[in-house]
Amino acid sequence: MKERAEHFWWDLARRLLRRPVAVVSLFFIAALVLVAIFASFLAPANPNQQELLSRLAPPGSPSDFTRTGTFILGSDQVGRDILSRILYGSRISLAVGLVAVSIELFLGTLMGALAGYFGGWVDTAIMRLADIMFAFPSLLFAIAVMYALGPSLFNVFVALGVTGWAGLARLVRGEVLRLKTQEFVEAAKAAGSTHGRLILKHILPNAVAPLIVAATLGIPGAIMGEAALSFLGLGVQPPTPSWGSMIYEARSYIRVAPWFSIWPGLAIMATVFAFNLLGDALRDILDPRLRQ
C-alpha cells in the first residue's frame, strides 16, 4: 500500500511537470506562499501606518516612512502603503482558502463516505441535507452565517467551510459506491476488517484523486468568497489588511485614484487564475478519460 501511494505521488508530479501552464501556476502559488510567510520582511512599511499628508498618492510618489522612500503602488485614503497591505493581505486570502477547503473536505468526505458505504436511511438523510444546502446560493448562505455569528476571521472560516461540503459529499458518495463493491474491499471485509478500517484504509485512499482536484478548485472559490464577504463588511475587520476589504474601501475613490482598487483586484485575479489553471491540469491528469 505504501509503495502504491508513493508511486501515485511520483507519477502525479511527473505528469504535472510536463505541463508548462501547470508549472507556472505552481511557481506562482509557491511564490505567493513565501510572500505570505515573509510579508513582514518583504513589505516596505507597516501596513497600518498612516501618512495623511500623502493620502491617495499615485504609484511612485515619495514617502517618508517606507523603506524604499516611495509608494511603489501608491497609497490609500489615509496614506497607508498599498503594496504593504497587499503583501499582508495574501496571508488572509491563503489562510481562508486552505482552512475553509479543509473544513469542506472533512465534512464532505465524512458525510459522503457514510452515505455511500451504509446506504439506506443514512444515505437518504445525508443526501436530503445536501439538497437543502444546494437550494441556497453559497454566498447568500455564507452571508446569513456571518450575520448570525458576527464578522471575524474565524467566522469566515466557518461560514465558507460549512457552505461547500455538499458538492464534495456527493463526489465522495459516488466514489464510495463504486469502490465498495470492488474485489479488494470484499477481500478485506472477508478478512474481518471493521467498517471504519474498510472506509479509512481501503476505500478513501483510492478516492483521493478526485478529492485533490476538488480541493484545488475549491481554494479560489473560498478566496473569492472571502473577498466578497470583506467587500460587504462581513469579513476581516479593519485595520487588518484584506484584498476584499481594500476594494471595498476603494469603491468611493475609483475615479480619482483607480490604482487603489486595481492592485488588490489584480492580486485576487492572479491568485484565482493560478489555482484554477492548476486544478484544470490536475483534473486532466487524474481523470483516465482525459489522459493523453
C-alpha atoms as a PDB file:
ATOM      1  CA  MET A   1       0.000   0.000   0.000  1.00  0.00           C
ATOM      2  CA  LYS A   2       2.842   2.397   0.898  1.00  0.00           C
ATOM      3  CA  GLU A   3       4.682   1.689  -2.359  1.00  0.00           C
ATOM      4  CA  ARG A   4       1.464   2.212  -4.293  1.00  0.00           C
ATOM      5  CA  ALA A   5       0.907   5.602  -2.628  1.00  0.00           C
ATOM      6  CA  GLU A   6       4.476   6.694  -3.359  1.00  0.00           C
ATOM      7  CA  HIS A   7       4.068   5.639  -6.999  1.00  0.00           C
ATOM      8  CA  PHE A   8       0.859   7.664  -7.250  1.00  0.00           C
ATOM      9  CA  TRP A   9       2.502  10.872  -6.000  1.00  0.00           C
ATOM     10  CA  TRP A  10       5.613  10.426  -8.150  1.00  0.00           C
ATOM     11  CA  ASP A  11       3.502   9.752 -11.224  1.00  0.00           C
ATOM     12  CA  LEU A  12       1.354  12.804 -10.446  1.00  0.00           C
ATOM     13  CA  ALA A  13       4.436  15.039 -10.084  1.00  0.00           C
ATOM     14  CA  ARG A  14       5.962  13.680 -13.302  1.00  0.00           C
ATOM     15  CA  ARG A  15       2.811  14.293 -15.333  1.00  0.00           C
ATOM     16  CA  LEU A  16       2.313  17.720 -13.787  1.00  0.00           C
ATOM     17  CA  LEU A  17       5.850  18.859 -14.651  1.00  0.00           C
ATOM     18  CA  ARG A  18       5.176  18.038 -18.314  1.00  0.00           C
ATOM     19  CA  ARG A  19       2.583  20.833 -18.464  1.00  0.00           C
ATOM     20  CA  PRO A  20       4.134  24.320 -18.713  1.00  0.00           C
ATOM     21  CA  VAL A  21       0.937  26.079 -17.612  1.00  0.00           C
ATOM     22  CA  ALA A  22       0.730  23.921 -14.501  1.00  0.00           C
ATOM     23  CA  VAL A  23       4.393  24.536 -13.700  1.00  0.00           C
ATOM     24  CA  VAL A  24       3.953  28.308 -13.998  1.00  0.00           C
ATOM     25  CA  SER A  25       0.865  28.117 -11.760  1.00  0.00           C
ATOM     26  CA  LEU A  26       2.783  26.062  -9.200  1.00  0.00           C
ATOM     27  CA  PHE A  27       5.638  28.569  -9.159  1.00  0.00           C
ATOM     28  CA  PHE A  28       3.202  31.446  -8.716  1.00  0.00           C
ATOM     29  CA  ILE A  29       1.408  29.693  -5.852  1.00  0.00           C
ATOM     30  CA  ALA A  30       4.717  28.783  -4.210  1.00  0.00           C
ATOM     31  CA  ALA A  31       5.871  32.402  -4.528  1.00  0.00           C
ATOM     32  CA  LEU A  32       2.575  33.584  -3.027  1.00  0.00           C
ATOM     33  CA  VAL A  33       3.017  31.243  -0.067  1.00  0.00           C
ATOM     34  CA  LEU A  34       6.532  32.587   0.502  1.00  0.00           C
ATOM     35  CA  VAL A  35       5.240  36.164   0.261  1.00  0.00           C
ATOM     36  CA  ALA A  36       2.569  35.385   2.857  1.00  0.00           C
ATOM     37  CA  ILE A  37       5.103  33.801   5.207  1.00  0.00           C
ATOM     38  CA  PHE A  38       7.722  36.540   4.869  1.00  0.00           C
ATOM     39  CA  ALA A  39       5.382  39.508   4.400  1.00  0.00           C
ATOM     40  CA  SER A  40       6.841  41.282   7.433  1.00  0.00           C
ATOM     41  CA  PHE A  41      10.292  41.205   5.805  1.00  0.00           C
ATOM     42  CA  LEU A  42       9.181  41.980   2.256  1.00  0.00           C
ATOM     43  CA  ALA A  43       6.711  44.786   2.981  1.00  0.00           C
ATOM     44  CA  PRO A  44       8.336  48.231   2.654  1.00  0.00           C
ATOM     45  CA  ALA A  45       6.268  49.620   5.561  1.00  0.00           C
ATOM     46  CA  ASN A  46       3.897  48.797   8.372  1.00  0.00           C
ATOM     47  CA  PRO A  47       0.585  48.070   6.576  1.00  0.00           C
ATOM     48  CA  ASN A  48      -1.369  50.115   9.126  1.00  0.00           C
ATOM     49  CA  GLN A  49       0.942  53.131   9.359  1.00  0.00           C
ATOM     50  CA  GLN A  50      -0.761  56.287   8.119  1.00  0.00           C
ATOM     51  CA  GLU A  51       0.632  59.367   6.378  1.00  0.00           C
ATOM     52  CA  LEU A  52      -2.351  61.669   5.974  1.00  0.00           C
ATOM     53  CA  LEU A  53      -0.412  64.264   4.011  1.00  0.00           C
ATOM     54  CA  SER A  54       0.186  61.582   1.324  1.00  0.00           C
ATOM     55  CA  ARG A  55      -3.332  60.155   1.103  1.00  0.00           C
ATOM     56  CA  LEU A  56      -4.272  58.734  -2.338  1.00  0.00           C
ATOM     57  CA  ALA A  57      -0.711  59.249  -3.578  1.00  0.00           C
ATOM     58  CA  PRO A  58      -0.188  57.728  -7.049  1.00  0.00           C
ATOM     59  CA  PRO A  59       2.366  54.952  -7.639  1.00  0.00           C
ATOM     60  CA  GLY A  60       5.946  56.170  -7.374  1.00  0.00           C
ATOM     61  CA  SER A  61       5.144  59.107  -5.080  1.00  0.00           C
ATOM     62  CA  PRO A  62       7.729  59.942  -2.380  1.00  0.00           C
ATOM     63  CA  SER A  63       7.134  58.638   1.128  1.00  0.00           C
ATOM     64  CA  ASP A  64       8.702  59.432   4.474  1.00  0.00           C
ATOM     65  CA  PHE A  65       8.110  56.091   6.197  1.00  0.00           C
ATOM     66  CA  THR A  66       8.586  53.315   3.598  1.00  0.00           C
ATOM     67  CA  ARG A  67      11.943  51.584   3.310  1.00  0.00           C
ATOM     68  CA  THR A  68      12.018  52.314  -0.416  1.00  0.00           C
ATOM     69  CA  GLY A  69      11.296  56.027   0.054  1.00  0.00           C
ATOM     70  CA  THR A  70       8.332  55.817  -2.349  1.00  0.00           C
ATOM     71  CA  PHE A  71       4.809  54.430  -2.505  1.00  0.00           C
ATOM     72  CA  ILE A  72       5.594  51.825  -5.158  1.00  0.00           C
ATOM     73  CA  LEU A  73       1.893  51.041  -5.788  1.00  0.00           C
ATOM     74  CA  GLY A  74       0.510  54.244  -4.311  1.00  0.00           C
ATOM     75  CA  SER A  75      -1.284  54.907  -1.024  1.00  0.00           C
ATOM     76  CA  ASP A  76      -4.872  54.577   0.195  1.00  0.00           C
ATOM     77  CA  GLN A  77      -7.372  57.066   1.595  1.00  0.00           C
ATOM     78  CA  VAL A  78      -5.436  57.518   4.856  1.00  0.00           C
ATOM     79  CA  GLY A  79      -1.923  57.330   3.390  1.00  0.00           C
ATOM     80  CA  ARG A  80      -1.159  53.649   4.032  1.00  0.00           C
ATOM     81  CA  ASP A  81       1.199  51.870   1.644  1.00  0.00           C
ATOM     82  CA  ILE A  82      -0.865  49.735  -0.762  1.00  0.00           C
ATOM     83  CA  LEU A  83       1.979  47.342  -1.582  1.00  0.00           C
ATOM     84  CA  SER A  84       2.486  46.519   2.098  1.00  0.00           C
ATOM     85  CA  ARG A  85      -1.216  45.938   2.608  1.00  0.00           C
ATOM     86  CA  ILE A  86      -1.402  43.649  -0.450  1.00  0.00           C
ATOM     87  CA  LEU A  87       1.548  41.595   0.820  1.00  0.00           C
ATOM     88  CA  TYR A  88      -0.014  41.210   4.265  1.00  0.00           C
ATOM     89  CA  GLY A  89      -3.420  40.583   2.706  1.00  0.00           C
ATOM     90  CA  SER A  90      -2.049  37.488   0.989  1.00  0.00           C
ATOM     91  CA  ARG A  91      -1.932  35.851   4.424  1.00  0.00           C
ATOM     92  CA  ILE A  92      -5.674  36.291   4.860  1.00  0.00           C
ATOM     93  CA  SER A  93      -6.544  35.015   1.397  1.00  0.00           C
ATOM     94  CA  LEU A  94      -4.364  31.902   1.614  1.00  0.00           C
ATOM     95  CA  ALA A  95      -5.449  31.145   5.171  1.00  0.00           C
ATOM     96  CA  VAL A  96      -9.116  31.395   4.218  1.00  0.00           C
ATOM     97  CA  GLY A  97      -8.590  29.252   1.116  1.00  0.00           C
ATOM     98  CA  LEU A  98      -6.712  26.500   2.948  1.00  0.00           C
ATOM     99  CA  VAL A  99      -8.756  26.415   6.164  1.00  0.00           C
ATOM    100  CA  ALA A 100     -12.172  26.718   4.505  1.00  0.00           C
ATOM    101  CA  VAL A 101     -11.356  23.975   1.989  1.00  0.00           C
ATOM    102  CA  SER A 102     -10.002  21.780   4.802  1.00  0.00           C
ATOM    103  CA  ILE A 103     -13.347  22.130   6.614  1.00  0.00           C
ATOM    104  CA  GLU A 104     -15.186  21.356   3.368  1.00  0.00           C
ATOM    105  CA  LEU A 105     -13.008  18.284   2.788  1.00  0.00           C
ATOM    106  CA  PHE A 106     -13.542  16.977   6.297  1.00  0.00           C
ATOM    107  CA  LEU A 107     -17.310  17.433   6.287  1.00  0.00           C
ATOM    108  CA  GLY A 108     -17.785  16.369   2.663  1.00  0.00           C
ATOM    109  CA  THR A 109     -15.597  13.269   2.994  1.00  0.00           C
ATOM    110  CA  LEU A 110     -17.245  12.244   6.274  1.00  0.00           C
ATOM    111  CA  MET A 111     -20.797  12.717   5.011  1.00  0.00           C
ATOM    112  CA  GLY A 112     -20.147  11.227   1.585  1.00  0.00           C
ATOM    113  CA  ALA A 113     -18.348   8.193   2.973  1.00  0.00           C
ATOM    114  CA  LEU A 114     -21.137   7.458   5.463  1.00  0.00           C
ATOM    115  CA  ALA A 115     -23.837   7.911   2.818  1.00  0.00           C
ATOM    116  CA  GLY A 116     -22.136   5.770   0.192  1.00  0.00           C
ATOM    117  CA  TYR A 117     -20.973   2.987   2.499  1.00  0.00           C
ATOM    118  CA  PHE A 118     -24.032   2.420   4.679  1.00  0.00           C
ATOM    119  CA  GLY A 119     -26.751   3.442   2.213  1.00  0.00           C
ATOM    120  CA  GLY A 120     -30.370   3.141   3.320  1.00  0.00           C
ATOM    121  CA  TRP A 121     -31.771   5.810   5.634  1.00  0.00           C
ATOM    122  CA  VAL A 122     -28.266   7.176   6.305  1.00  0.00           C
ATOM    123  CA  ASP A 123     -27.780   7.849   2.597  1.00  0.00           C
ATOM    124  CA  THR A 124     -31.262   9.348   2.277  1.00  0.00           C
ATOM    125  CA  ALA A 125     -30.853  11.672   5.276  1.00  0.00           C
ATOM    126  CA  ILE A 126     -27.418  12.957   4.234  1.00  0.00           C
ATOM    127  CA  MET A 127     -28.354  13.467   0.596  1.00  0.00           C
ATOM    128  CA  ARG A 128     -31.553  15.334   1.507  1.00  0.00           C
ATOM    129  CA  LEU A 129     -29.481  17.577   3.769  1.00  0.00           C
ATOM    130  CA  ALA A 130     -27.127  18.135   0.821  1.00  0.00           C
ATOM    131  CA  ASP A 131     -30.133  19.005  -1.361  1.00  0.00           C
ATOM    132  CA  ILE A 132     -31.159  21.632   1.193  1.00  0.00           C
ATOM    133  CA  MET A 133     -27.650  23.115   1.028  1.00  0.00           C
ATOM    134  CA  PHE A 134     -27.848  23.174  -2.775  1.00  0.00           C
ATOM    135  CA  ALA A 135     -31.155  25.059  -2.573  1.00  0.00           C
ATOM    136  CA  PHE A 136     -29.380  28.146  -1.216  1.00  0.00           C
ATOM    137  CA  PRO A 137     -26.755  30.134  -3.149  1.00  0.00           C
ATOM    138  CA  SER A 138     -23.493  29.503  -1.306  1.00  0.00           C
ATOM    139  CA  LEU A 139     -22.603  33.187  -0.961  1.00  0.00           C
ATOM    140  CA  LEU A 140     -26.066  34.036   0.349  1.00  0.00           C
ATOM    141  CA  PHE A 141     -25.826  31.226   2.878  1.00  0.00           C
ATOM    142  CA  ALA A 142     -22.351  32.427   3.938  1.00  0.00           C
ATOM    143  CA  ILE A 143     -23.725  35.964   4.389  1.00  0.00           C
ATOM    144  CA  ALA A 144     -26.510  34.598   6.600  1.00  0.00           C
ATOM    145  CA  VAL A 145     -23.987  32.667   8.700  1.00  0.00           C
ATOM    146  CA  MET A 146     -21.804  35.765   9.077  1.00  0.00           C
ATOM    147  CA  TYR A 147     -24.802  37.845  10.157  1.00  0.00           C
ATOM    148  CA  ALA A 148     -25.616  35.204  12.770  1.00  0.00           C
ATOM    149  CA  LEU A 149     -22.060  34.741  14.071  1.00  0.00           C
ATOM    150  CA  GLY A 150     -20.666  38.237  13.549  1.00  0.00           C
ATOM    151  CA  PRO A 151     -17.724  39.407  11.418  1.00  0.00           C
ATOM    152  CA  SER A 152     -14.343  37.873  12.244  1.00  0.00           C
ATOM    153  CA  LEU A 153     -11.693  35.792  10.514  1.00  0.00           C
ATOM    154  CA  PHE A 154     -12.628  32.625  12.413  1.00  0.00           C
ATOM    155  CA  ASN A 155     -16.273  33.041  11.452  1.00  0.00           C
ATOM    156  CA  VAL A 156     -15.237  33.477   7.810  1.00  0.00           C
ATOM    157  CA  PHE A 157     -13.549  30.053   8.039  1.00  0.00           C
ATOM    158  CA  VAL A 158     -16.736  28.540   9.449  1.00  0.00           C
ATOM    159  CA  ALA A 159     -19.125  30.281   7.045  1.00  0.00           C
ATOM    160  CA  LEU A 160     -17.208  29.302   3.912  1.00  0.00           C
ATOM    161  CA  GLY A 161     -16.355  25.831   5.211  1.00  0.00           C
ATOM    162  CA  VAL A 162     -19.901  24.744   6.057  1.00  0.00           C
ATOM    163  CA  THR A 163     -21.390  26.035   2.803  1.00  0.00           C
ATOM    164  CA  GLY A 164     -19.285  23.966   0.416  1.00  0.00           C
ATOM    165  CA  TRP A 165     -19.365  20.417   1.799  1.00  0.00           C
ATOM    166  CA  ALA A 166     -22.460  19.225  -0.094  1.00  0.00           C
ATOM    167  CA  GLY A 167     -20.780  19.012  -3.506  1.00  0.00           C
ATOM    168  CA  LEU A 168     -17.822  17.120  -2.046  1.00  0.00           C
ATOM    169  CA  ALA A 169     -20.193  14.782  -0.214  1.00  0.00           C
ATOM    170  CA  ARG A 170     -21.860  13.806  -3.480  1.00  0.00           C
ATOM    171  CA  LEU A 171     -18.474  13.297  -5.118  1.00  0.00           C
ATOM    172  CA  VAL A 172     -17.211  11.068  -2.294  1.00  0.00           C
ATOM    173  CA  ARG A 173     -20.501   9.180  -2.146  1.00  0.00           C
ATOM    174  CA  GLY A 174     -20.217   8.285  -5.813  1.00  0.00           C
ATOM    175  CA  GLU A 175     -16.632   7.082  -5.387  1.00  0.00           C
ATOM    176  CA  VAL A 176     -17.520   5.016  -2.323  1.00  0.00           C
ATOM    177  CA  LEU A 177     -20.476   3.398  -4.131  1.00  0.00           C
ATOM    178  CA  ARG A 178     -18.116   2.446  -6.959  1.00  0.00           C
ATOM    179  CA  LEU A 179     -15.304   1.173  -4.754  1.00  0.00           C
ATOM    180  CA  LYS A 180     -17.173  -0.722  -2.032  1.00  0.00           C
ATOM    181  CA  THR A 181     -18.115  -3.486  -4.481  1.00  0.00           C
ATOM    182  CA  GLN A 182     -14.553  -3.988  -5.710  1.00  0.00           C
ATOM    183  CA  GLU A 183     -12.827  -7.301  -5.031  1.00  0.00           C
ATOM    184  CA  PHE A 184     -10.112  -5.868  -2.754  1.00  0.00           C
ATOM    185  CA  VAL A 185     -12.794  -4.385  -0.482  1.00  0.00           C
ATOM    186  CA  GLU A 186     -14.723  -7.656  -0.411  1.00  0.00           C
ATOM    187  CA  ALA A 187     -11.476  -9.478   0.447  1.00  0.00           C
ATOM    188  CA  ALA A 188     -10.744  -7.071   3.306  1.00  0.00           C
ATOM    189  CA  LYS A 189     -14.318  -7.497   4.567  1.00  0.00           C
ATOM    190  CA  ALA A 190     -13.947 -11.298   4.464  1.00  0.00           C
ATOM    191  CA  ALA A 191     -10.697 -10.968   6.437  1.00  0.00           C
ATOM    192  CA  GLY A 192     -12.637  -9.345   9.266  1.00  0.00           C
ATOM    193  CA  SER A 193     -11.915  -5.629   8.722  1.00  0.00           C
ATOM    194  CA  THR A 194     -14.232  -3.293  10.595  1.00  0.00           C
ATOM    195  CA  HIS A 195     -16.372  -0.695   8.852  1.00  0.00           C
ATOM    196  CA  GLY A 196     -14.016   2.083   9.928  1.00  0.00           C
ATOM    197  CA  ARG A 197     -10.954   0.244   8.655  1.00  0.00           C
ATOM    198  CA  LEU A 198     -12.625  -0.552   5.346  1.00  0.00           C
ATOM    199  CA  ILE A 199     -13.505   3.097   4.803  1.00  0.00           C
ATOM    200  CA  LEU A 200     -10.251   4.645   6.016  1.00  0.00           C
ATOM    201  CA  LYS A 201      -7.712   2.076   4.817  1.00  0.00           C
ATOM    202  CA  HIS A 202      -9.210   0.623   1.647  1.00  0.00           C
ATOM    203  CA  ILE A 203     -11.885   2.877   0.152  1.00  0.00           C
ATOM    204  CA  LEU A 204     -10.927   6.520   0.785  1.00  0.00           C
ATOM    205  CA  PRO A 205      -7.235   6.145  -0.248  1.00  0.00           C
ATOM    206  CA  ASN A 206      -8.480   5.014  -3.665  1.00  0.00           C
ATOM    207  CA  ALA A 207     -10.802   8.034  -3.920  1.00  0.00           C
ATOM    208  CA  VAL A 208      -8.078  10.606  -3.294  1.00  0.00           C
ATOM    209  CA  ALA A 209      -7.634  11.684  -6.940  1.00  0.00           C
ATOM    210  CA  PRO A 210     -10.989  13.498  -7.392  1.00  0.00           C
ATOM    211  CA  LEU A 211     -10.613  14.995  -3.899  1.00  0.00           C
ATOM    212  CA  ILE A 212      -7.287  16.563  -4.878  1.00  0.00           C
ATOM    213  CA  VAL A 213      -8.893  18.191  -7.902  1.00  0.00           C
ATOM    214  CA  ALA A 214     -11.934  19.345  -5.917  1.00  0.00           C
ATOM    215  CA  ALA A 215      -9.751  20.858  -3.180  1.00  0.00           C
ATOM    216  CA  THR A 216      -7.525  22.682  -5.660  1.00  0.00           C
ATOM    217  CA  LEU A 217     -10.532  24.144  -7.465  1.00  0.00           C
ATOM    218  CA  GLY A 218     -12.227  24.920  -4.147  1.00  0.00           C
ATOM    219  CA  ILE A 219      -9.437  27.191  -2.879  1.00  0.00           C
ATOM    220  CA  PRO A 220     -10.062  30.002  -5.423  1.00  0.00           C
ATOM    221  CA  GLY A 221     -13.771  29.789  -4.651  1.00  0.00           C
ATOM    222  CA  ALA A 222     -13.028  30.307  -0.956  1.00  0.00           C
ATOM    223  CA  ILE A 223     -10.702  33.219  -1.756  1.00  0.00           C
ATOM    224  CA  MET A 224     -13.427  34.843  -3.845  1.00  0.00           C
ATOM    225  CA  GLY A 225     -15.940  34.177  -1.086  1.00  0.00           C
ATOM    226  CA  GLU A 226     -13.743  35.902   1.499  1.00  0.00           C
ATOM    227  CA  ALA A 227     -13.230  38.848  -0.838  1.00  0.00           C
ATOM    228  CA  ALA A 228     -16.989  39.149  -1.319  1.00  0.00           C
ATOM    229  CA  LEU A 229     -17.684  38.969   2.423  1.00  0.00           C
ATOM    230  CA  SER A 230     -14.962  41.537   3.164  1.00  0.00           C
ATOM    231  CA  PHE A 231     -16.335  43.790   0.422  1.00  0.00           C
ATOM    232  CA  LEU A 232     -19.718  43.659   2.163  1.00  0.00           C
ATOM    233  CA  GLY A 233     -18.101  44.455   5.514  1.00  0.00           C
ATOM    234  CA  LEU A 234     -18.756  40.962   6.912  1.00  0.00           C
ATOM    235  CA  GLY A 235     -15.250  39.545   6.626  1.00  0.00           C
ATOM    236  CA  VAL A 236     -11.966  40.538   8.205  1.00  0.00           C
ATOM    237  CA  GLN A 237     -12.399  43.786  10.087  1.00  0.00           C
ATOM    238  CA  PRO A 238     -10.221  46.906   9.778  1.00  0.00           C
ATOM    239  CA  PRO A 239      -7.409  47.660  10.167  1.00  0.00           C
ATOM    240  CA  THR A 240      -6.373  44.093   9.227  1.00  0.00           C
ATOM    241  CA  PRO A 241      -5.490  44.200   5.513  1.00  0.00           C
ATOM    242  CA  SER A 242      -7.565  42.018   3.208  1.00  0.00           C
ATOM    243  CA  TRP A 243      -7.810  42.209  -0.571  1.00  0.00           C
ATOM    244  CA  GLY A 244     -11.596  42.274  -0.434  1.00  0.00           C
ATOM    245  CA  SER A 245     -11.741  44.986   2.218  1.00  0.00           C
ATOM    246  CA  MET A 246      -9.216  47.058   0.240  1.00  0.00           C
ATOM    247  CA  ILE A 247     -11.531  47.001  -2.787  1.00  0.00           C
ATOM    248  CA  TYR A 248     -14.435  47.904  -0.505  1.00  0.00           C
ATOM    249  CA  GLU A 249     -12.532  50.914   0.836  1.00  0.00           C
ATOM    250  CA  ALA A 250     -11.543  51.946  -2.702  1.00  0.00           C
ATOM    251  CA  ARG A 251     -15.046  51.979  -4.136  1.00  0.00           C
ATOM    252  CA  SER A 252     -15.537  55.691  -3.376  1.00  0.00           C
ATOM    253  CA  TYR A 253     -12.224  56.690  -4.962  1.00  0.00           C
ATOM    254  CA  ILE A 254     -12.263  54.676  -8.182  1.00  0.00           C
ATOM    255  CA  ARG A 255     -12.494  57.820 -10.323  1.00  0.00           C
ATOM    256  CA  VAL A 256      -9.794  59.870  -8.570  1.00  0.00           C
ATOM    257  CA  ALA A 257      -7.464  57.037  -7.520  1.00  0.00           C
ATOM    258  CA  PRO A 258      -8.064  53.944  -9.705  1.00  0.00           C
ATOM    259  CA  TRP A 259      -4.823  52.305  -8.525  1.00  0.00           C
ATOM    260  CA  PHE A 260      -6.382  51.938  -5.089  1.00  0.00           C
ATOM    261  CA  SER A 261      -8.757  49.238  -6.377  1.00  0.00           C
ATOM    262  CA  ILE A 262      -6.736  47.950  -9.355  1.00  0.00           C
ATOM    263  CA  TRP A 263      -3.850  46.403  -7.411  1.00  0.00           C
ATOM    264  CA  PRO A 264      -5.852  44.302  -4.920  1.00  0.00           C
ATOM    265  CA  GLY A 265      -8.191  43.321  -7.765  1.00  0.00           C
ATOM    266  CA  LEU A 266      -5.246  42.093  -9.817  1.00  0.00           C
ATOM    267  CA  ALA A 267      -3.922  40.173  -6.805  1.00  0.00           C
ATOM    268  CA  ILE A 268      -7.239  38.350  -6.431  1.00  0.00           C
ATOM    269  CA  MET A 269      -7.481  37.703 -10.176  1.00  0.00           C
ATOM    270  CA  ALA A 270      -3.946  36.316 -10.491  1.00  0.00           C
ATOM    271  CA  THR A 271      -4.313  34.056  -7.450  1.00  0.00           C
ATOM    272  CA  VAL A 272      -7.666  32.654  -8.516  1.00  0.00           C
ATOM    273  CA  PHE A 273      -6.416  32.191 -12.079  1.00  0.00           C
ATOM    274  CA  ALA A 274      -3.337  30.257 -10.907  1.00  0.00           C
ATOM    275  CA  PHE A 275      -5.348  27.884  -8.714  1.00  0.00           C
ATOM    276  CA  ASN A 276      -7.911  27.313 -11.461  1.00  0.00           C
ATOM    277  CA  LEU A 277      -5.216  26.502 -14.018  1.00  0.00           C
ATOM    278  CA  LEU A 278      -3.566  24.100 -11.590  1.00  0.00           C
ATOM    279  CA  GLY A 279      -6.913  22.479 -10.824  1.00  0.00           C
ATOM    280  CA  ASP A 280      -7.678  22.052 -14.531  1.00  0.00           C
ATOM    281  CA  ALA A 281      -4.272  20.437 -15.075  1.00  0.00           C
ATOM    282  CA  LEU A 282      -4.798  18.047 -12.152  1.00  0.00           C
ATOM    283  CA  ARG A 283      -8.235  17.132 -13.472  1.00  0.00           C
ATOM    284  CA  ASP A 284      -6.812  16.319 -16.902  1.00  0.00           C
ATOM    285  CA  ILE A 285      -4.027  14.241 -15.348  1.00  0.00           C
ATOM    286  CA  LEU A 286      -6.085  12.303 -12.815  1.00  0.00           C
ATOM    287  CA  ASP A 287      -9.146  11.615 -14.968  1.00  0.00           C
ATOM    288  CA  PRO A 288      -8.371   8.486 -17.028  1.00  0.00           C
ATOM    289  CA  ARG A 289     -10.818   9.621 -19.719  1.00  0.00           C
ATOM    290  CA  LEU A 290      -8.810  12.816 -20.308  1.00  0.00           C
ATOM    291  CA  ARG A 291      -5.279  11.389 -20.176  1.00  0.00           C
ATOM    292  CA  GLN A 292      -3.224  11.689 -23.308  1.00  0.00           C
END
